[in-house]
Amino acid sequence: MTRDTLFDLASLTKPLATALIIVALADEGRLSTDDRLALFFGLEDESWHNIDLDMLLTHSSGLAPYNHYYREFSPGIDPAAGEAIVRRILTGPLLYEPGTECRYSDLGFILLGRVIEQVTGMDLNECFRKYVSARTGLEDEIFYLPLGVPGQQARGRNMAATENCPWRGRVLQGEVHDEHCWLMGGVSGHAGLFGTVDAVLTLCAHILDRWQGRGEQPAGDTLQLALRKKYGDRTWCRGFDTPSPEGSSGGSLLSADSVGHLGYTGTSFWIDPEKEVIIVLLSNRVHPTRENILIRRFRPRFHDVLLQTLGGSMGK
């Protein structure tokens, strides 16, 4: 493992790709977070008609956290599988009235990825390059890896292995761990990004600088809104999470206004605007099996020890 090792970033895709692209499209006036989902999809169930993009971003749409749709498919590359998964999501039941609760949902971000593709007429990986990585000079350090056409950025690179996957029957390396993203060709709104630790750190620094009004591109109203909690008694912003009052994976020392996210494969980042600190943790904790959950104890301790070590140097 080196600083150049590429990791499967898993759900860091949600804030660092999907949310940032939506912010950019909103700034261009190409969509609004108030747009209803029905503007982009045919929805037969009337209970879905009040769901807007903001509810998907804040995990308050009523959608289930997850369903094992991939078990209905054989592990092969099939363009029809992605559309079938989207259709299953859109015709499934809601678990609660939209806007009344927050329940973290992969399914909502799968739909957001498809919304982005509809609005732009571009594949999501191309949108990420245009609106995020090219603007930060990170095209060769953080990117999607479409199955079968990984691109020049990944050739000859050191890839962190993930799981010895029982469904696919092999150790995964250089292909996305998430089964639904894999069935969707390696590119989705909820997972699919690969990147180095320096790339994630640089992208987070870009977000922090814009948030704090520094640099040539200060945060507009859309990004400022994305980095604030929508519901005072919940942790979710738009695509970003904030520390839980108790038992946070970020430990006990992050400022309350911090934003971040976890990834299932063992990745995370936290941006603390008060302390002016960014913490990025990339691991492949699912190798060789996802049954290893010791990271739940490691993450908060890691963050606390690091912040204690930095001590008085923070915020300067």
C-alpha atoms as a PDB file:
ATOM      1  CA  MET A   1       0.000   0.000   0.000  1.00  0.00           C
ATOM      2  CA  THR A   2       1.297   3.436  -0.992  1.00  0.00           C
ATOM      3  CA  ARG A   3      -0.068   6.955  -1.229  1.00  0.00           C
ATOM      4  CA  ASP A   4      -0.848   6.155  -4.880  1.00  0.00           C
ATOM      5  CA  THR A   5      -2.973   3.097  -4.082  1.00  0.00           C
ATOM      6  CA  LEU A   6      -6.462   3.378  -5.563  1.00  0.00           C
ATOM      7  CA  PHE A   7      -9.310   2.465  -3.215  1.00  0.00           C
ATOM      8  CA  ASP A   8     -12.918   1.644  -3.918  1.00  0.00           C
ATOM      9  CA  LEU A   9     -14.487   4.706  -2.255  1.00  0.00           C
ATOM     10  CA  ALA A  10     -17.965   3.120  -2.061  1.00  0.00           C
ATOM     11  CA  SER A  11     -20.538   5.569  -0.644  1.00  0.00           C
ATOM     12  CA  LEU A  12     -18.130   8.501  -0.647  1.00  0.00           C
ATOM     13  CA  THR A  13     -19.513   8.642  -4.194  1.00  0.00           C
ATOM     14  CA  LYS A  14     -22.742  10.094  -2.799  1.00  0.00           C
ATOM     15  CA  PRO A  15     -21.327  13.411  -1.530  1.00  0.00           C
ATOM     16  CA  LEU A  16     -18.182  13.694  -3.661  1.00  0.00           C
ATOM     17  CA  ALA A  17     -19.805  12.866  -7.000  1.00  0.00           C
ATOM     18  CA  THR A  18     -23.604  12.917  -6.989  1.00  0.00           C
ATOM     19  CA  ALA A  19     -24.190  15.789  -4.549  1.00  0.00           C
ATOM     20  CA  LEU A  20     -21.452  17.978  -6.047  1.00  0.00           C
ATOM     21  CA  ILE A  21     -22.744  17.418  -9.595  1.00  0.00           C
ATOM     22  CA  ILE A  22     -26.272  18.363  -8.516  1.00  0.00           C
ATOM     23  CA  VAL A  23     -24.899  21.513  -6.867  1.00  0.00           C
ATOM     24  CA  ALA A  24     -23.150  22.420 -10.136  1.00  0.00           C
ATOM     25  CA  LEU A  25     -26.266  21.753 -12.237  1.00  0.00           C
ATOM     26  CA  ALA A  26     -28.398  23.804  -9.853  1.00  0.00           C
ATOM     27  CA  ASP A  27     -25.906  26.671 -10.089  1.00  0.00           C
ATOM     28  CA  GLU A  28     -26.277  26.493 -13.876  1.00  0.00           C
ATOM     29  CA  GLY A  29     -30.070  26.565 -13.569  1.00  0.00           C
ATOM     30  CA  ARG A  30     -30.435  23.153 -15.200  1.00  0.00           C
ATOM     31  CA  LEU A  31     -32.327  21.672 -12.276  1.00  0.00           C
ATOM     32  CA  SER A  32     -33.592  22.614  -8.822  1.00  0.00           C
ATOM     33  CA  THR A  33     -33.496  20.536  -5.674  1.00  0.00           C
ATOM     34  CA  ASP A  34     -37.208  21.355  -5.432  1.00  0.00           C
ATOM     35  CA  ASP A  35     -37.904  19.491  -8.685  1.00  0.00           C
ATOM     36  CA  ARG A  36     -40.273  16.579  -8.206  1.00  0.00           C
ATOM     37  CA  LEU A  37     -39.132  13.067  -9.048  1.00  0.00           C
ATOM     38  CA  ALA A  38     -42.148  12.746 -11.351  1.00  0.00           C
ATOM     39  CA  LEU A  39     -40.502  15.288 -13.663  1.00  0.00           C
ATOM     40  CA  PHE A  40     -37.908  12.648 -14.543  1.00  0.00           C
ATOM     41  CA  PHE A  41     -39.690   9.305 -14.137  1.00  0.00           C
ATOM     42  CA  GLY A  42     -43.119   7.910 -14.782  1.00  0.00           C
ATOM     43  CA  LEU A  43     -44.540   7.203 -11.316  1.00  0.00           C
ATOM     44  CA  GLU A  44     -47.638   5.055 -11.067  1.00  0.00           C
ATOM     45  CA  ASP A  45     -48.021   5.224  -7.284  1.00  0.00           C
ATOM     46  CA  GLU A  46     -49.476   8.586  -6.193  1.00  0.00           C
ATOM     47  CA  SER A  47     -47.691   8.331  -2.851  1.00  0.00           C
ATOM     48  CA  TRP A  48     -44.480   9.062  -4.785  1.00  0.00           C
ATOM     49  CA  HIS A  49     -45.719  12.271  -6.403  1.00  0.00           C
ATOM     50  CA  ASN A  50     -44.576  14.616  -3.606  1.00  0.00           C
ATOM     51  CA  ILE A  51     -40.996  13.312  -3.542  1.00  0.00           C
ATOM     52  CA  ASP A  52     -38.492  15.934  -4.684  1.00  0.00           C
ATOM     53  CA  LEU A  53     -34.750  15.800  -5.264  1.00  0.00           C
ATOM     54  CA  ASP A  54     -34.083  17.448  -1.912  1.00  0.00           C
ATOM     55  CA  MET A  55     -35.757  14.521  -0.152  1.00  0.00           C
ATOM     56  CA  LEU A  56     -33.494  12.099  -1.992  1.00  0.00           C
ATOM     57  CA  LEU A  57     -30.418  14.142  -1.074  1.00  0.00           C
ATOM     58  CA  THR A  58     -31.417  14.275   2.614  1.00  0.00           C
ATOM     59  CA  HIS A  59     -32.524  10.625   2.836  1.00  0.00           C
ATOM     60  CA  SER A  60     -36.076  11.658   3.700  1.00  0.00           C
ATOM     61  CA  SER A  61     -37.930  10.363   0.631  1.00  0.00           C
ATOM     62  CA  GLY A  62     -39.600   7.319   2.194  1.00  0.00           C
ATOM     63  CA  LEU A  63     -37.414   4.893   0.248  1.00  0.00           C
ATOM     64  CA  ALA A  64     -36.000   1.791   1.873  1.00  0.00           C
ATOM     65  CA  PRO A  65     -32.325   1.898   2.859  1.00  0.00           C
ATOM     66  CA  TYR A  66     -31.474  -1.081   0.678  1.00  0.00           C
ATOM     67  CA  ASN A  67     -32.894  -4.117  -1.096  1.00  0.00           C
ATOM     68  CA  HIS A  68     -31.009  -7.170  -2.353  1.00  0.00           C
ATOM     69  CA  TYR A  69     -32.112  -6.724  -5.962  1.00  0.00           C
ATOM     70  CA  TYR A  70     -28.825  -8.115  -7.245  1.00  0.00           C
ATOM     71  CA  ARG A  71     -29.808 -11.592  -6.037  1.00  0.00           C
ATOM     72  CA  GLU A  72     -32.355 -11.704  -8.863  1.00  0.00           C
ATOM     73  CA  PHE A  73     -29.559 -11.488 -11.449  1.00  0.00           C
ATOM     74  CA  SER A  74     -26.654 -13.665 -12.454  1.00  0.00           C
ATOM     75  CA  PRO A  75     -23.259 -11.948 -12.058  1.00  0.00           C
ATOM     76  CA  GLY A  76     -22.690 -10.929 -15.647  1.00  0.00           C
ATOM     77  CA  ILE A  77     -22.486  -7.607 -17.467  1.00  0.00           C
ATOM     78  CA  ASP A  78     -25.966  -6.889 -18.820  1.00  0.00           C
ATOM     79  CA  PRO A  79     -27.054  -3.344 -19.783  1.00  0.00           C
ATOM     80  CA  ALA A  80     -30.662  -4.302 -19.088  1.00  0.00           C
ATOM     81  CA  ALA A  81     -29.918  -5.082 -15.440  1.00  0.00           C
ATOM     82  CA  GLY A  82     -29.379  -1.442 -14.512  1.00  0.00           C
ATOM     83  CA  GLU A  83     -32.709  -0.369 -15.969  1.00  0.00           C
ATOM     84  CA  ALA A  84     -34.412  -3.293 -14.255  1.00  0.00           C
ATOM     85  CA  ILE A  85     -33.002  -2.213 -10.870  1.00  0.00           C
ATOM     86  CA  VAL A  86     -34.210   1.371 -11.390  1.00  0.00           C
ATOM     87  CA  ARG A  87     -37.665   0.110 -12.327  1.00  0.00           C
ATOM     88  CA  ARG A  88     -37.811  -2.103  -9.225  1.00  0.00           C
ATOM     89  CA  ILE A  89     -36.957   0.891  -7.051  1.00  0.00           C
ATOM     90  CA  LEU A  90     -39.616   3.072  -8.698  1.00  0.00           C
ATOM     91  CA  THR A  91     -42.330   0.459  -8.318  1.00  0.00           C
ATOM     92  CA  GLY A  92     -41.454  -0.592  -4.780  1.00  0.00           C
ATOM     93  CA  PRO A  93     -43.264   0.508  -1.617  1.00  0.00           C
ATOM     94  CA  LEU A  94     -42.351   3.538   0.456  1.00  0.00           C
ATOM     95  CA  LEU A  95     -41.591   2.816   4.107  1.00  0.00           C
ATOM     96  CA  TYR A  96     -42.837   6.135   5.470  1.00  0.00           C
ATOM     97  CA  GLU A  97     -44.463   9.362   4.309  1.00  0.00           C
ATOM     98  CA  PRO A  98     -41.916  11.434   2.391  1.00  0.00           C
ATOM     99  CA  GLY A  99     -40.453  14.282   4.421  1.00  0.00           C
ATOM    100  CA  THR A 100     -41.410  12.888   7.827  1.00  0.00           C
ATOM    101  CA  GLU A 101     -38.260  10.869   8.661  1.00  0.00           C
ATOM    102  CA  CYS A 102     -34.634  10.382   7.596  1.00  0.00           C
ATOM    103  CA  ARG A 103     -33.463   6.879   6.725  1.00  0.00           C
ATOM    104  CA  TYR A 104     -30.206   6.492   4.868  1.00  0.00           C
ATOM    105  CA  SER A 105     -30.960   5.096   1.410  1.00  0.00           C
ATOM    106  CA  ASP A 106     -28.754   3.755  -1.371  1.00  0.00           C
ATOM    107  CA  LEU A 107     -31.853   3.579  -3.536  1.00  0.00           C
ATOM    108  CA  GLY A 108     -32.462   7.316  -3.522  1.00  0.00           C
ATOM    109  CA  PHE A 109     -28.956   8.027  -4.778  1.00  0.00           C
ATOM    110  CA  ILE A 110     -29.285   5.454  -7.545  1.00  0.00           C
ATOM    111  CA  LEU A 111     -32.247   7.528  -8.752  1.00  0.00           C
ATOM    112  CA  LEU A 112     -30.305  10.794  -8.380  1.00  0.00           C
ATOM    113  CA  GLY A 113     -27.592   9.392 -10.632  1.00  0.00           C
ATOM    114  CA  ARG A 114     -30.181   8.682 -13.311  1.00  0.00           C
ATOM    115  CA  VAL A 115     -31.661  12.173 -12.911  1.00  0.00           C
ATOM    116  CA  ILE A 116     -28.223  13.684 -13.575  1.00  0.00           C
ATOM    117  CA  GLU A 117     -27.862  11.592 -16.737  1.00  0.00           C
ATOM    118  CA  GLN A 118     -31.304  12.673 -17.956  1.00  0.00           C
ATOM    119  CA  VAL A 119     -30.633  16.362 -17.349  1.00  0.00           C
ATOM    120  CA  THR A 120     -27.192  16.374 -18.976  1.00  0.00           C
ATOM    121  CA  GLY A 121     -27.562  13.706 -21.647  1.00  0.00           C
ATOM    122  CA  MET A 122     -24.185  12.391 -20.455  1.00  0.00           C
ATOM    123  CA  ASP A 123     -23.058   9.277 -18.630  1.00  0.00           C
ATOM    124  CA  LEU A 124     -22.537   9.893 -14.926  1.00  0.00           C
ATOM    125  CA  ASN A 125     -18.805   9.215 -15.107  1.00  0.00           C
ATOM    126  CA  GLU A 126     -18.455  11.886 -17.802  1.00  0.00           C
ATOM    127  CA  CYS A 127     -20.493  14.301 -15.677  1.00  0.00           C
ATOM    128  CA  PHE A 128     -18.152  13.680 -12.753  1.00  0.00           C
ATOM    129  CA  ARG A 129     -15.146  14.441 -14.908  1.00  0.00           C
ATOM    130  CA  LYS A 130     -16.703  17.632 -16.292  1.00  0.00           C
ATOM    131  CA  TYR A 131     -18.187  19.081 -13.110  1.00  0.00           C
ATOM    132  CA  VAL A 132     -15.855  17.798 -10.385  1.00  0.00           C
ATOM    133  CA  SER A 133     -12.519  16.183 -11.207  1.00  0.00           C
ATOM    134  CA  ALA A 134     -11.551  18.423 -14.152  1.00  0.00           C
ATOM    135  CA  ARG A 135     -12.350  21.537 -12.151  1.00  0.00           C
ATOM    136  CA  THR A 136     -10.018  20.403  -9.377  1.00  0.00           C
ATOM    137  CA  GLY A 137      -7.262  18.923 -11.552  1.00  0.00           C
ATOM    138  CA  LEU A 138      -7.931  15.400 -10.251  1.00  0.00           C
ATOM    139  CA  GLU A 139      -8.940  13.583 -13.435  1.00  0.00           C
ATOM    140  CA  ASP A 140      -6.179  10.985 -13.015  1.00  0.00           C
ATOM    141  CA  GLU A 141      -6.608  10.485  -9.258  1.00  0.00           C
ATOM    142  CA  ILE A 142     -10.353  10.086  -8.625  1.00  0.00           C
ATOM    143  CA  PHE A 143     -12.744   8.591 -11.162  1.00  0.00           C
ATOM    144  CA  TYR A 144     -15.289   5.909 -11.985  1.00  0.00           C
ATOM    145  CA  LEU A 145     -14.085   2.601 -13.417  1.00  0.00           C
ATOM    146  CA  PRO A 146     -16.729   1.464 -15.924  1.00  0.00           C
ATOM    147  CA  LEU A 147     -16.651  -2.318 -16.232  1.00  0.00           C
ATOM    148  CA  GLY A 148     -14.847  -3.522 -19.314  1.00  0.00           C
ATOM    149  CA  VAL A 149     -13.524  -0.044 -20.190  1.00  0.00           C
ATOM    150  CA  PRO A 150     -11.567   1.094 -17.129  1.00  0.00           C
ATOM    151  CA  GLY A 151      -9.691   3.804 -19.016  1.00  0.00           C
ATOM    152  CA  GLN A 152      -6.136   5.033 -19.084  1.00  0.00           C
ATOM    153  CA  GLN A 153      -6.162   6.319 -15.473  1.00  0.00           C
ATOM    154  CA  ALA A 154      -6.306   2.789 -14.021  1.00  0.00           C
ATOM    155  CA  ARG A 155      -3.730   1.049 -16.189  1.00  0.00           C
ATOM    156  CA  GLY A 156      -0.784  -0.249 -14.238  1.00  0.00           C
ATOM    157  CA  ARG A 157      -2.073   1.262 -11.003  1.00  0.00           C
ATOM    158  CA  ASN A 158      -1.900  -0.325  -7.560  1.00  0.00           C
ATOM    159  CA  MET A 159      -5.465  -1.270  -6.618  1.00  0.00           C
ATOM    160  CA  ALA A 160      -6.556  -2.193  -3.097  1.00  0.00           C
ATOM    161  CA  ALA A 161      -8.417  -5.503  -3.213  1.00  0.00           C
ATOM    162  CA  THR A 162     -11.859  -5.672  -1.629  1.00  0.00           C
ATOM    163  CA  GLU A 163     -13.948  -8.742  -0.919  1.00  0.00           C
ATOM    164  CA  ASN A 164     -13.624 -12.373  -1.889  1.00  0.00           C
ATOM    165  CA  CYS A 165     -17.154 -11.999  -3.211  1.00  0.00           C
ATOM    166  CA  PRO A 166     -19.386 -15.068  -2.852  1.00  0.00           C
ATOM    167  CA  TRP A 167     -21.806 -13.786  -5.515  1.00  0.00           C
ATOM    168  CA  ARG A 168     -19.139 -13.106  -8.151  1.00  0.00           C
ATOM    169  CA  GLY A 169     -16.900 -15.966  -7.010  1.00  0.00           C
ATOM    170  CA  ARG A 170     -13.577 -14.101  -6.879  1.00  0.00           C
ATOM    171  CA  VAL A 171     -11.535 -11.513  -5.039  1.00  0.00           C
ATOM    172  CA  LEU A 172     -12.440  -8.092  -6.403  1.00  0.00           C
ATOM    173  CA  GLN A 173      -9.655  -5.760  -7.458  1.00  0.00           C
ATOM    174  CA  GLY A 174     -10.137  -2.825  -9.795  1.00  0.00           C
ATOM    175  CA  GLU A 175     -13.878  -3.430 -10.102  1.00  0.00           C
ATOM    176  CA  VAL A 176     -16.538  -1.958  -7.875  1.00  0.00           C
ATOM    177  CA  HIS A 177     -17.494  -3.908  -4.752  1.00  0.00           C
ATOM    178  CA  ASP A 178     -21.135  -2.770  -4.576  1.00  0.00           C
ATOM    179  CA  GLU A 179     -23.283  -5.360  -6.360  1.00  0.00           C
ATOM    180  CA  HIS A 180     -25.898  -2.961  -7.711  1.00  0.00           C
ATOM    181  CA  CYS A 181     -23.309  -0.533  -9.040  1.00  0.00           C
ATOM    182  CA  TRP A 182     -21.513  -3.508 -10.610  1.00  0.00           C
ATOM    183  CA  LEU A 183     -24.715  -4.569 -12.372  1.00  0.00           C
ATOM    184  CA  MET A 184     -25.101  -0.976 -13.573  1.00  0.00           C
ATOM    185  CA  GLY A 185     -21.741  -1.160 -15.327  1.00  0.00           C
ATOM    186  CA  GLY A 186     -19.645   0.228 -12.483  1.00  0.00           C
ATOM    187  CA  VAL A 187     -21.170   3.699 -12.614  1.00  0.00           C
ATOM    188  CA  SER A 188     -23.963   4.823 -10.300  1.00  0.00           C
ATOM    189  CA  GLY A 189     -25.049   7.663  -8.051  1.00  0.00           C
ATOM    190  CA  HIS A 190     -24.544   5.719  -4.846  1.00  0.00           C
ATOM    191  CA  ALA A 191     -21.172   4.016  -5.459  1.00  0.00           C
ATOM    192  CA  GLY A 192     -18.470   3.520  -8.067  1.00  0.00           C
ATOM    193  CA  LEU A 193     -15.754   6.111  -7.422  1.00  0.00           C
ATOM    194  CA  PHE A 194     -12.138   5.023  -7.031  1.00  0.00           C
ATOM    195  CA  GLY A 195      -9.485   7.342  -5.719  1.00  0.00           C
ATOM    196  CA  THR A 196      -6.254   7.870  -3.817  1.00  0.00           C
ATOM    197  CA  VAL A 197      -6.024   9.325  -0.334  1.00  0.00           C
ATOM    198  CA  ASP A 198      -4.444  12.517  -1.693  1.00  0.00           C
ATOM    199  CA  ALA A 199      -7.245  12.908  -4.234  1.00  0.00           C
ATOM    200  CA  VAL A 200      -9.969  12.650  -1.590  1.00  0.00           C
ATOM    201  CA  LEU A 201      -8.040  15.049   0.637  1.00  0.00           C
ATOM    202  CA  THR A 202      -7.587  17.560  -2.195  1.00  0.00           C
ATOM    203  CA  LEU A 203     -11.260  17.400  -3.167  1.00  0.00           C
ATOM    204  CA  CYS A 204     -12.301  17.882   0.472  1.00  0.00           C
ATOM    205  CA  ALA A 205      -9.901  20.843   0.742  1.00  0.00           C
ATOM    206  CA  HIS A 206     -11.569  22.343  -2.319  1.00  0.00           C
ATOM    207  CA  ILE A 207     -14.961  21.958  -0.635  1.00  0.00           C
ATOM    208  CA  LEU A 208     -13.651  23.518   2.590  1.00  0.00           C
ATOM    209  CA  ASP A 209     -12.075  26.473   0.773  1.00  0.00           C
ATOM    210  CA  ARG A 210     -15.310  27.175  -1.107  1.00  0.00           C
ATOM    211  CA  TRP A 211     -17.300  26.755   2.093  1.00  0.00           C
ATOM    212  CA  GLN A 212     -15.076  29.279   3.877  1.00  0.00           C
ATOM    213  CA  GLY A 213     -15.227  31.749   0.984  1.00  0.00           C
ATOM    214  CA  ARG A 214     -11.600  31.289  -0.077  1.00  0.00           C
ATOM    215  CA  GLY A 215     -10.133  30.947  -3.530  1.00  0.00           C
ATOM    216  CA  GLU A 216     -11.442  31.846  -6.944  1.00  0.00           C
ATOM    217  CA  GLN A 217     -14.702  29.924  -6.601  1.00  0.00           C
ATOM    218  CA  PRO A 218     -16.418  30.568  -3.244  1.00  0.00           C
ATOM    219  CA  ALA A 219     -19.450  28.477  -2.421  1.00  0.00           C
ATOM    220  CA  GLY A 220     -22.691  29.688  -3.901  1.00  0.00           C
ATOM    221  CA  ASP A 221     -26.000  29.421  -2.122  1.00  0.00           C
ATOM    222  CA  THR A 222     -26.540  25.846  -3.359  1.00  0.00           C
ATOM    223  CA  LEU A 223     -23.325  24.474  -1.851  1.00  0.00           C
ATOM    224  CA  GLN A 224     -23.822  26.422   1.364  1.00  0.00           C
ATOM    225  CA  LEU A 225     -27.299  24.877   1.591  1.00  0.00           C
ATOM    226  CA  ALA A 226     -25.906  21.408   0.834  1.00  0.00           C
ATOM    227  CA  LEU A 227     -23.526  21.651   3.792  1.00  0.00           C
ATOM    228  CA  ARG A 228     -26.239  22.543   6.318  1.00  0.00           C
ATOM    229  CA  LYS A 229     -28.625  20.157   8.034  1.00  0.00           C
ATOM    230  CA  LYS A 230     -32.177  20.260   6.719  1.00  0.00           C
ATOM    231  CA  TYR A 231     -33.728  18.810   9.867  1.00  0.00           C
ATOM    232  CA  GLY A 232     -32.406  20.015  13.218  1.00  0.00           C
ATOM    233  CA  ASP A 233     -32.943  16.676  14.929  1.00  0.00           C
ATOM    234  CA  ARG A 234     -31.311  14.585  12.189  1.00  0.00           C
ATOM    235  CA  THR A 235     -27.700  14.384  11.036  1.00  0.00           C
ATOM    236  CA  TRP A 236     -28.159  14.616   7.253  1.00  0.00           C
ATOM    237  CA  CYS A 237     -27.302  17.544   5.027  1.00  0.00           C
ATOM    238  CA  ARG A 238     -27.698  17.264   1.238  1.00  0.00           C
ATOM    239  CA  GLY A 239     -25.544  14.255   0.413  1.00  0.00           C
ATOM    240  CA  PHE A 240     -23.287  14.856   3.413  1.00  0.00           C
ATOM    241  CA  ASP A 241     -23.617  13.586   6.970  1.00  0.00           C
ATOM    242  CA  THR A 242     -22.775  15.358  10.238  1.00  0.00           C
ATOM    243  CA  PRO A 243     -21.484  13.860  13.498  1.00  0.00           C
ATOM    244  CA  SER A 244     -24.036  12.033  15.623  1.00  0.00           C
ATOM    245  CA  PRO A 245     -24.440  13.552  19.098  1.00  0.00           C
ATOM    246  CA  GLU A 246     -23.446  10.205  20.594  1.00  0.00           C
ATOM    247  CA  GLY A 247     -21.481   7.312  19.136  1.00  0.00           C
ATOM    248  CA  SER A 248     -20.280   9.118  16.036  1.00  0.00           C
ATOM    249  CA  SER A 249     -17.874   7.231  13.780  1.00  0.00           C
ATOM    250  CA  GLY A 250     -15.928  10.495  13.686  1.00  0.00           C
ATOM    251  CA  GLY A 251     -15.257  10.262  17.398  1.00  0.00           C
ATOM    252  CA  SER A 252     -16.137  12.780  20.088  1.00  0.00           C
ATOM    253  CA  LEU A 253     -13.971  15.762  19.120  1.00  0.00           C
ATOM    254  CA  LEU A 254     -15.243  16.907  15.726  1.00  0.00           C
ATOM    255  CA  SER A 255     -17.112  20.209  15.697  1.00  0.00           C
ATOM    256  CA  ALA A 256     -20.884  19.952  15.361  1.00  0.00           C
ATOM    257  CA  ASP A 257     -20.807  21.731  11.976  1.00  0.00           C
ATOM    258  CA  SER A 258     -18.453  19.143  10.458  1.00  0.00           C
ATOM    259  CA  VAL A 259     -19.600  17.240   7.377  1.00  0.00           C
ATOM    260  CA  GLY A 260     -18.463  13.878   6.095  1.00  0.00           C
ATOM    261  CA  HIS A 261     -19.485  10.423   4.973  1.00  0.00           C
ATOM    262  CA  LEU A 262     -18.634   6.749   5.376  1.00  0.00           C
ATOM    263  CA  GLY A 263     -18.043   4.125   2.704  1.00  0.00           C
ATOM    264  CA  TYR A 264     -18.934   0.457   3.171  1.00  0.00           C
ATOM    265  CA  THR A 265     -15.545  -0.762   1.957  1.00  0.00           C
ATOM    266  CA  GLY A 266     -13.808   1.013   4.860  1.00  0.00           C
ATOM    267  CA  THR A 267     -13.503   4.606   3.676  1.00  0.00           C
ATOM    268  CA  SER A 268     -14.476   7.926   5.217  1.00  0.00           C
ATOM    269  CA  PHE A 269     -13.803  11.643   5.275  1.00  0.00           C
ATOM    270  CA  TRP A 270     -14.643  14.453   7.676  1.00  0.00           C
ATOM    271  CA  ILE A 271     -14.341  18.186   7.036  1.00  0.00           C
ATOM    272  CA  ASP A 272     -14.318  20.346  10.186  1.00  0.00           C
ATOM    273  CA  PRO A 273     -14.778  24.049   9.302  1.00  0.00           C
ATOM    274  CA  GLU A 274     -14.261  25.256  12.867  1.00  0.00           C
ATOM    275  CA  LYS A 275     -10.977  23.419  13.450  1.00  0.00           C
ATOM    276  CA  GLU A 276      -9.926  23.771   9.771  1.00  0.00           C
ATOM    277  CA  VAL A 277      -9.156  20.059   9.719  1.00  0.00           C
ATOM    278  CA  ILE A 278      -9.846  17.405   7.091  1.00  0.00           C
ATOM    279  CA  ILE A 279      -9.482  13.729   7.998  1.00  0.00           C
ATOM    280  CA  VAL A 280      -9.515  11.051   5.299  1.00  0.00           C
ATOM    281  CA  LEU A 281      -9.389   7.353   6.121  1.00  0.00           C
ATOM    282  CA  LEU A 282      -9.134   4.819   3.307  1.00  0.00           C
ATOM    283  CA  SER A 283      -9.012   1.114   4.071  1.00  0.00           C
ATOM    284  CA  ASN A 284     -10.208  -2.096   2.455  1.00  0.00           C
ATOM    285  CA  ARG A 285     -11.819  -3.521   5.571  1.00  0.00           C
ATOM    286  CA  VAL A 286     -14.028  -5.873   3.491  1.00  0.00           C
ATOM    287  CA  HIS A 287     -10.947  -7.826   2.366  1.00  0.00           C
ATOM    288  CA  PRO A 288     -11.291 -10.714   2.435  1.00  0.00           C
ATOM    289  CA  THR A 289     -14.818 -10.570   3.911  1.00  0.00           C
ATOM    290  CA  ARG A 290     -17.422  -7.982   4.841  1.00  0.00           C
ATOM    291  CA  GLU A 291     -18.033  -9.921   8.045  1.00  0.00           C
ATOM    292  CA  ASN A 292     -15.051  -8.129   9.601  1.00  0.00           C
ATOM    293  CA  ILE A 293     -16.702  -5.148  11.352  1.00  0.00           C
ATOM    294  CA  LEU A 294     -13.869  -4.151  13.696  1.00  0.00           C
ATOM    295  CA  ILE A 295     -13.657  -0.833  11.859  1.00  0.00           C
ATOM    296  CA  ARG A 296     -16.720   0.280  13.828  1.00  0.00           C
ATOM    297  CA  ARG A 297     -14.517   0.421  16.905  1.00  0.00           C
ATOM    298  CA  PHE A 298     -11.446   1.661  15.066  1.00  0.00           C
ATOM    299  CA  ARG A 299     -12.963   4.675  13.288  1.00  0.00           C
ATOM    300  CA  PRO A 300     -13.943   6.781  16.349  1.00  0.00           C
ATOM    301  CA  ARG A 301     -10.690   5.939  18.131  1.00  0.00           C
ATOM    302  CA  PHE A 302      -8.667   6.874  15.040  1.00  0.00           C
ATOM    303  CA  HIS A 303     -10.350  10.278  14.784  1.00  0.00           C
ATOM    304  CA  ASP A 304     -10.080  11.048  18.498  1.00  0.00           C
ATOM    305  CA  VAL A 305      -6.390  10.121  18.699  1.00  0.00           C
ATOM    306  CA  LEU A 306      -5.617  12.151  15.601  1.00  0.00           C
ATOM    307  CA  LEU A 307      -7.438  15.260  16.827  1.00  0.00           C
ATOM    308  CA  GLN A 308      -5.859  14.938  20.270  1.00  0.00           C
ATOM    309  CA  THR A 309      -2.445  14.689  18.636  1.00  0.00           C
ATOM    310  CA  LEU A 310      -3.032  17.771  16.495  1.00  0.00           C
ATOM    311  CA  GLY A 311      -4.190  19.643  19.576  1.00  0.00           C
ATOM    312  CA  GLY A 312      -3.417  23.335  19.570  1.00  0.00           C
ATOM    313  CA  SER A 313      -2.229  23.438  15.958  1.00  0.00           C
ATOM    314  CA  MET A 314      -5.818  23.301  14.700  1.00  0.00           C
ATOM    315  CA  GLY A 315      -7.634  26.342  13.400  1.00  0.00           C
ATOM    316  CA  LYS A 316      -4.411  28.187  12.549  1.00  0.00           C
END
